[in-house]
Amino acid sequence: MTRKEQSEAYLQAHQIKINPNLPDLEPDTAIKSPDEILRRALAALLISQIAIDTANNNDPPVSARFFHTYVKRFGLEDELTPDEKRFIAMEEPQAPEVPQQDAIQMVWRIEMCMPLFWACGLVGELSYPDTEADCIPLIRLIDSCKDFDALREKVQMHSDAEILDHADLILRMDWACVDAAVKKEPISGGLSHDIVMERHKGFNWLVSAYGAEDWDHVQPHT
């Protein structure tokens, strides 16, 4: 069974609309290295925690100071993207506030980084994309590690084939979501378009699909 056939069998089993003409993933995809994946996932998850406090008006400067200590602990200062640096900067008294809508968008990056943690073997099988991810176990795991090397020792990478299988499947799920939106129909299979889209972006970055390198501006392609 080809990767496409495998994905379509899953979609059919979950009553998700199929586009038989949707092409396979780009043949020149290149999966990121384990260290690169883990650093990006860590940075995204930590900054998302500041974003949660910002969106909830829960003392963002205190949150920024607290999670900045984790950024330093894991040596991620140079990993932060321009969008992420805005949240760390809020620890300074005169720093501009981040608008609540921007904070909400950053919170959604929890879903974007879950494929990366899954690829590293630090979370179990990715759940069906109809419910938001629970990141508390990951936060506890990260907190238990004294530095990046300690967490890196826990990484057990999924195979390239497994990663590409998931990337292909989420591509087809996202097409079903977009198709439903265009036609103003309910999304088949009970999928959450927001979750599917963020996971799609995460997998695109993970496998370098469609030139996805800039984390702040990764786009899904259907």
Foldseek 3Di string as FASTA:
>chain_A
DDLLVVLVVVCVVLFADFDPPDDAFDPPWAFDDLVLLVLLLVLLVLLLQLLVCLLVVNPSLVSLVVSVVLCVQAVNPVVDDPLSVLSNVSVDPPRDRDDNVSSVVSNLLNLLSVLSCVQQVNDPDDDQQQDDDDCVVVVVVSVVARYNVRVSVVGDGDDPVVLSSVLRNLLRLLVQVVVCVVVVHDRGSNHDNSSSFSNNQNSCCRRCTPNNPRSVDRGHDD
